[in-house]
Each structure stands twice: as structure tokens, then as C-alpha cells.
Amino acid sequence: MASTTLYLAADPVQAHLLKDHLAEHRIEVDVFDAHAIGARGELAAIVYPRLVLRDPAQHDRARAVIASWEARGEQPDWACLGCGEANPAAFESCWACGLEHV
């Protein structure tokens, strides 16, 4: 079965954060080339960590989850309704008290 590259990440941290986010939506991916970042500048090709979809039938749903994940970076930071603590836009729950952001 051919693998489907779903996403090229900027770095290994982004790749693994997105992998975990997709897993929360029951979409399984593998991360390839995460360690190749150490060879940048030494290799003739530019290699980025890539997420490869395990089940190609989930492609459309996975792309929708990624689009939503990317859009979160464009959102403003938010204050927790429970404790008033400031939280980055990417956080889905308060870092201080754990209350889920609505």
C-alpha cells in the first residue's frame, strides 16, 4: 500500500504536536524524517519532518483537522473563565486550573 504524506512540518516538535492532535481525533499518522533536521545544510536536499497517514480513507477528515489546528494560531489569547489566568490561543484548556476553553 502506498503511503500518503499528509503534512510537512517545520520541525520535529511541530510534527509530534500535530501527530498527538490528530490522535485525539482518532487519526493515526507516522512521523518520518524527524531526525534529518540535524543534517540541514549538509544534505543536498532540504528535508522536513513529514506526517504520513496510516489510513488513506481518512485523508479528507485529517486535512479538516489540520486546517482547524492551523487556524488556532490566528486566534487571540484567552482568559480562563474559571481562574482568570491568561492562556495562549493554542491551549484548549487552562494551564493553571485545567478548565476547558469554550
N, C-alpha and C. Protein backbone atom coordinates (compact mmCIF):
# COMPACT_ATOMS: atom_id res chain seq x y z
N MET A 1 0.84 -1.18 0.00
CA MET A 1 0.00 0.00 0.00
C MET A 1 0.89 1.24 0.00
N ALA A 2 0.59 2.20 -0.83
CA ALA A 2 1.37 3.43 -0.91
C ALA A 2 1.07 4.32 0.29
N SER A 3 2.10 4.97 0.79
CA SER A 3 1.89 5.87 1.91
C SER A 3 1.48 7.24 1.37
N THR A 4 0.73 7.95 2.17
CA THR A 4 0.24 9.27 1.80
C THR A 4 0.84 10.30 2.73
N THR A 5 1.73 11.15 2.20
CA THR A 5 2.27 12.23 3.02
C THR A 5 1.17 13.26 3.21
N LEU A 6 0.85 13.49 4.45
CA LEU A 6 -0.25 14.37 4.80
C LEU A 6 0.21 15.79 5.07
N TYR A 7 1.41 15.93 5.66
CA TYR A 7 1.83 17.25 6.14
C TYR A 7 3.35 17.30 6.26
N LEU A 8 3.94 18.40 5.85
CA LEU A 8 5.36 18.67 6.08
C LEU A 8 5.46 19.66 7.23
N ALA A 9 6.10 19.25 8.30
CA ALA A 9 6.20 20.09 9.48
C ALA A 9 7.46 20.95 9.42
N ALA A 10 7.44 22.06 10.13
CA ALA A 10 8.59 22.96 10.18
C ALA A 10 9.75 22.34 10.95
N ASP A 11 9.42 21.53 11.95
CA ASP A 11 10.45 20.91 12.79
C ASP A 11 9.85 19.70 13.50
N PRO A 12 10.67 18.89 14.17
CA PRO A 12 10.15 17.69 14.84
C PRO A 12 9.12 17.99 15.93
N VAL A 13 9.27 19.10 16.61
CA VAL A 13 8.31 19.44 17.68
C VAL A 13 6.93 19.65 17.08
N GLN A 14 6.85 20.43 16.01
CA GLN A 14 5.56 20.66 15.36
C GLN A 14 4.98 19.34 14.85
N ALA A 15 5.82 18.50 14.28
CA ALA A 15 5.36 17.21 13.75
C ALA A 15 4.72 16.37 14.85
N HIS A 16 5.36 16.30 16.00
CA HIS A 16 4.83 15.45 17.07
C HIS A 16 3.62 16.09 17.76
N LEU A 17 3.57 17.40 17.84
CA LEU A 17 2.38 18.06 18.39
C LEU A 17 1.17 17.78 17.50
N LEU A 18 1.37 17.89 16.18
CA LEU A 18 0.27 17.62 15.27
C LEU A 18 -0.11 16.15 15.27
N LYS A 19 0.87 15.27 15.37
CA LYS A 19 0.57 13.83 15.46
C LYS A 19 -0.33 13.55 16.67
N ASP A 20 0.00 14.15 17.81
CA ASP A 20 -0.82 13.95 19.01
C ASP A 20 -2.22 14.54 18.84
N HIS A 21 -2.29 15.70 18.19
CA HIS A 21 -3.60 16.32 17.96
C HIS A 21 -4.47 15.45 17.05
N LEU A 22 -3.88 14.91 16.00
CA LEU A 22 -4.62 14.02 15.12
C LEU A 22 -5.05 12.76 15.86
N ALA A 23 -4.21 12.24 16.74
CA ALA A 23 -4.55 11.05 17.52
C ALA A 23 -5.77 11.31 18.41
N GLU A 24 -5.90 12.53 18.91
CA GLU A 24 -7.07 12.89 19.71
C GLU A 24 -8.35 12.78 18.88
N HIS A 25 -8.21 12.88 17.57
CA HIS A 25 -9.35 12.77 16.66
C HIS A 25 -9.41 11.39 16.00
N ARG A 26 -8.68 10.45 16.59
CA ARG A 26 -8.63 9.05 16.13
C ARG A 26 -8.12 8.92 14.69
N ILE A 27 -7.13 9.76 14.38
CA ILE A 27 -6.46 9.69 13.08
C ILE A 27 -5.00 9.35 13.37
N GLU A 28 -4.56 8.21 12.84
CA GLU A 28 -3.21 7.75 13.11
C GLU A 28 -2.26 8.11 11.97
N VAL A 29 -1.13 8.70 12.36
CA VAL A 29 -0.08 9.04 11.41
C VAL A 29 1.25 8.58 11.97
N ASP A 30 2.23 8.47 11.09
CA ASP A 30 3.60 8.21 11.48
C ASP A 30 4.42 9.43 11.10
N VAL A 31 5.47 9.71 11.89
CA VAL A 31 6.37 10.82 11.60
C VAL A 31 7.64 10.24 10.99
N PHE A 32 8.00 10.73 9.82
CA PHE A 32 9.22 10.32 9.14
C PHE A 32 10.14 11.52 8.98
N ASP A 33 11.43 11.26 8.92
CA ASP A 33 12.46 12.27 8.67
C ASP A 33 12.58 13.31 9.79
N ALA A 34 12.12 12.99 10.98
CA ALA A 34 12.19 13.94 12.09
C ALA A 34 13.63 14.22 12.49
N HIS A 35 14.51 13.25 12.35
CA HIS A 35 15.89 13.43 12.78
C HIS A 35 16.77 13.99 11.68
N ALA A 36 16.24 14.10 10.48
CA ALA A 36 17.02 14.64 9.36
C ALA A 36 17.28 16.13 9.52
N ILE A 37 16.56 16.78 10.43
CA ILE A 37 16.76 18.21 10.64
C ILE A 37 18.20 18.50 11.07
N GLY A 38 18.83 17.54 11.72
CA GLY A 38 20.21 17.72 12.15
C GLY A 38 21.19 17.76 10.99
N ALA A 39 20.77 17.31 9.83
CA ALA A 39 21.64 17.30 8.66
C ALA A 39 21.38 18.47 7.72
N ARG A 40 20.49 19.37 8.09
CA ARG A 40 20.22 20.53 7.22
C ARG A 40 21.52 21.30 7.02
N GLY A 41 21.75 21.68 5.81
CA GLY A 41 22.98 22.37 5.46
C GLY A 41 24.05 21.40 5.00
N GLU A 42 23.92 20.14 5.37
CA GLU A 42 24.87 19.12 4.96
C GLU A 42 24.33 18.30 3.80
N LEU A 43 23.03 18.20 3.70
CA LEU A 43 22.39 17.42 2.64
C LEU A 43 22.12 18.30 1.42
N ALA A 44 22.14 17.68 0.26
CA ALA A 44 21.83 18.42 -0.96
C ALA A 44 20.35 18.79 -1.02
N ALA A 45 19.51 18.00 -0.40
CA ALA A 45 18.07 18.24 -0.40
C ALA A 45 17.64 18.83 0.94
N ILE A 46 16.58 19.58 0.91
CA ILE A 46 16.01 20.09 2.15
C ILE A 46 14.95 19.10 2.60
N VAL A 47 15.11 18.57 3.80
CA VAL A 47 14.22 17.53 4.31
C VAL A 47 13.49 18.07 5.53
N TYR A 48 12.18 17.93 5.51
CA TYR A 48 11.34 18.34 6.63
C TYR A 48 10.69 17.11 7.23
N PRO A 49 10.40 17.14 8.53
CA PRO A 49 9.63 16.04 9.11
C PRO A 49 8.27 15.97 8.41
N ARG A 50 7.83 14.76 8.12
CA ARG A 50 6.55 14.62 7.43
C ARG A 50 5.66 13.64 8.17
N LEU A 51 4.39 13.95 8.14
CA LEU A 51 3.39 13.07 8.73
C LEU A 51 2.78 12.25 7.62
N VAL A 52 2.79 10.94 7.81
CA VAL A 52 2.25 10.02 6.82
C VAL A 52 1.02 9.34 7.40
N LEU A 53 -0.06 9.45 6.68
CA LEU A 53 -1.35 8.90 7.09
C LEU A 53 -1.34 7.38 7.00
N ARG A 54 -1.77 6.71 8.05
CA ARG A 54 -1.83 5.25 8.04
C ARG A 54 -3.00 4.73 7.22
N ASP A 55 -4.13 5.43 7.28
CA ASP A 55 -5.34 5.01 6.56
C ASP A 55 -5.72 6.10 5.56
N PRO A 56 -5.40 5.90 4.27
CA PRO A 56 -5.71 6.92 3.26
C PRO A 56 -7.19 7.31 3.20
N ALA A 57 -8.08 6.45 3.68
CA ALA A 57 -9.51 6.77 3.68
C ALA A 57 -9.82 7.94 4.63
N GLN A 58 -8.91 8.25 5.55
CA GLN A 58 -9.12 9.35 6.50
C GLN A 58 -8.55 10.68 6.00
N HIS A 59 -8.09 10.72 4.76
CA HIS A 59 -7.40 11.89 4.25
C HIS A 59 -8.22 13.18 4.39
N ASP A 60 -9.46 13.18 3.92
CA ASP A 60 -10.27 14.40 3.97
C ASP A 60 -10.52 14.86 5.41
N ARG A 61 -10.82 13.92 6.28
CA ARG A 61 -11.05 14.27 7.69
C ARG A 61 -9.77 14.78 8.33
N ALA A 62 -8.64 14.17 8.01
CA ALA A 62 -7.35 14.60 8.55
C ALA A 62 -7.02 16.01 8.08
N ARG A 63 -7.26 16.32 6.81
CA ARG A 63 -6.99 17.67 6.29
C ARG A 63 -7.86 18.70 7.01
N ALA A 64 -9.12 18.34 7.31
CA ALA A 64 -10.00 19.27 8.02
C ALA A 64 -9.49 19.52 9.44
N VAL A 65 -9.02 18.48 10.11
CA VAL A 65 -8.48 18.63 11.47
C VAL A 65 -7.22 19.50 11.43
N ILE A 66 -6.38 19.29 10.43
CA ILE A 66 -5.16 20.10 10.30
C ILE A 66 -5.51 21.56 10.02
N ALA A 67 -6.48 21.81 9.17
CA ALA A 67 -6.89 23.19 8.87
C ALA A 67 -7.37 23.89 10.13
N SER A 68 -8.13 23.18 10.94
CA SER A 68 -8.61 23.74 12.20
C SER A 68 -7.46 24.01 13.15
N TRP A 69 -6.50 23.09 13.20
CA TRP A 69 -5.33 23.22 14.07
C TRP A 69 -4.48 24.42 13.65
N GLU A 70 -4.30 24.60 12.35
CA GLU A 70 -3.51 25.72 11.85
C GLU A 70 -4.22 27.05 12.12
N ALA A 71 -5.53 27.07 12.02
CA ALA A 71 -6.30 28.30 12.23
C ALA A 71 -6.23 28.77 13.69
N ARG A 72 -6.00 27.84 14.60
CA ARG A 72 -5.91 28.22 16.02
C ARG A 72 -4.79 29.21 16.26
N GLY A 73 -3.73 29.16 15.47
CA GLY A 73 -2.62 30.08 15.63
C GLY A 73 -3.00 31.51 15.32
N GLU A 74 -4.10 31.69 14.61
CA GLU A 74 -4.57 33.02 14.23
C GLU A 74 -5.54 33.60 15.26
N GLN A 75 -5.86 32.83 16.27
CA GLN A 75 -6.81 33.26 17.29
C GLN A 75 -6.09 34.07 18.38
N PRO A 76 -6.80 34.98 19.03
CA PRO A 76 -6.18 35.74 20.12
C PRO A 76 -6.05 34.87 21.38
N ASP A 77 -5.15 35.26 22.26
CA ASP A 77 -5.04 34.59 23.55
C ASP A 77 -6.37 34.76 24.29
N TRP A 78 -6.60 33.92 25.30
CA TRP A 78 -7.88 33.96 26.00
C TRP A 78 -7.65 33.90 27.51
N ALA A 79 -8.60 34.46 28.25
CA ALA A 79 -8.56 34.44 29.71
C ALA A 79 -9.51 33.35 30.20
N CYS A 80 -9.05 32.56 31.15
CA CYS A 80 -9.84 31.47 31.70
C CYS A 80 -11.05 32.02 32.45
N LEU A 81 -12.21 31.43 32.19
CA LEU A 81 -13.43 31.86 32.89
C LEU A 81 -13.45 31.37 34.33
N GLY A 82 -12.64 30.36 34.63
CA GLY A 82 -12.60 29.82 35.99
C GLY A 82 -11.69 30.59 36.93
N CYS A 83 -10.45 30.84 36.47
CA CYS A 83 -9.48 31.46 37.37
C CYS A 83 -8.94 32.80 36.87
N GLY A 84 -9.29 33.17 35.62
CA GLY A 84 -8.86 34.45 35.09
C GLY A 84 -7.46 34.46 34.50
N GLU A 85 -6.77 33.33 34.51
CA GLU A 85 -5.40 33.26 34.01
C GLU A 85 -5.36 33.41 32.50
N ALA A 86 -4.35 34.09 31.98
CA ALA A 86 -4.16 34.25 30.54
C ALA A 86 -3.59 32.96 29.96
N ASN A 87 -4.11 32.56 28.79
CA ASN A 87 -3.68 31.34 28.12
C ASN A 87 -3.41 31.62 26.65
N PRO A 88 -2.37 31.00 26.06
CA PRO A 88 -2.14 31.15 24.63
C PRO A 88 -3.30 30.57 23.82
N ALA A 89 -3.51 31.09 22.65
CA ALA A 89 -4.63 30.67 21.80
C ALA A 89 -4.62 29.18 21.51
N ALA A 90 -3.44 28.59 21.41
CA ALA A 90 -3.34 27.17 21.06
C ALA A 90 -3.77 26.24 22.19
N PHE A 91 -3.88 26.75 23.41
CA PHE A 91 -4.27 25.91 24.54
C PHE A 91 -5.77 25.64 24.50
N GLU A 92 -6.15 24.38 24.66
CA GLU A 92 -7.56 24.01 24.67
C GLU A 92 -8.14 24.01 26.08
N SER A 93 -7.27 24.04 27.07
CA SER A 93 -7.71 24.14 28.46
C SER A 93 -6.72 25.03 29.20
N CYS A 94 -7.15 25.58 30.30
CA CYS A 94 -6.34 26.49 31.10
C CYS A 94 -5.12 25.77 31.67
N TRP A 95 -3.96 26.38 31.51
CA TRP A 95 -2.74 25.76 32.03
C TRP A 95 -2.72 25.78 33.55
N ALA A 96 -3.43 26.72 34.16
CA ALA A 96 -3.38 26.87 35.61
C ALA A 96 -4.39 25.98 36.34
N CYS A 97 -5.64 25.96 35.87
CA CYS A 97 -6.67 25.21 36.59
C CYS A 97 -7.25 24.02 35.82
N GLY A 98 -6.94 23.95 34.52
CA GLY A 98 -7.41 22.82 33.72
C GLY A 98 -8.79 22.98 33.13
N LEU A 99 -9.47 24.08 33.37
CA LEU A 99 -10.80 24.28 32.82
C LEU A 99 -10.73 24.35 31.29
N GLU A 100 -11.62 23.63 30.62
CA GLU A 100 -11.61 23.59 29.17
C GLU A 100 -12.12 24.91 28.59
N HIS A 101 -11.42 25.37 27.54
CA HIS A 101 -11.81 26.62 26.87
C HIS A 101 -13.03 26.38 26.00
N VAL A 102 -14.02 27.27 26.08
CA VAL A 102 -15.23 27.14 25.26
C VAL A 102 -15.23 28.08 24.10
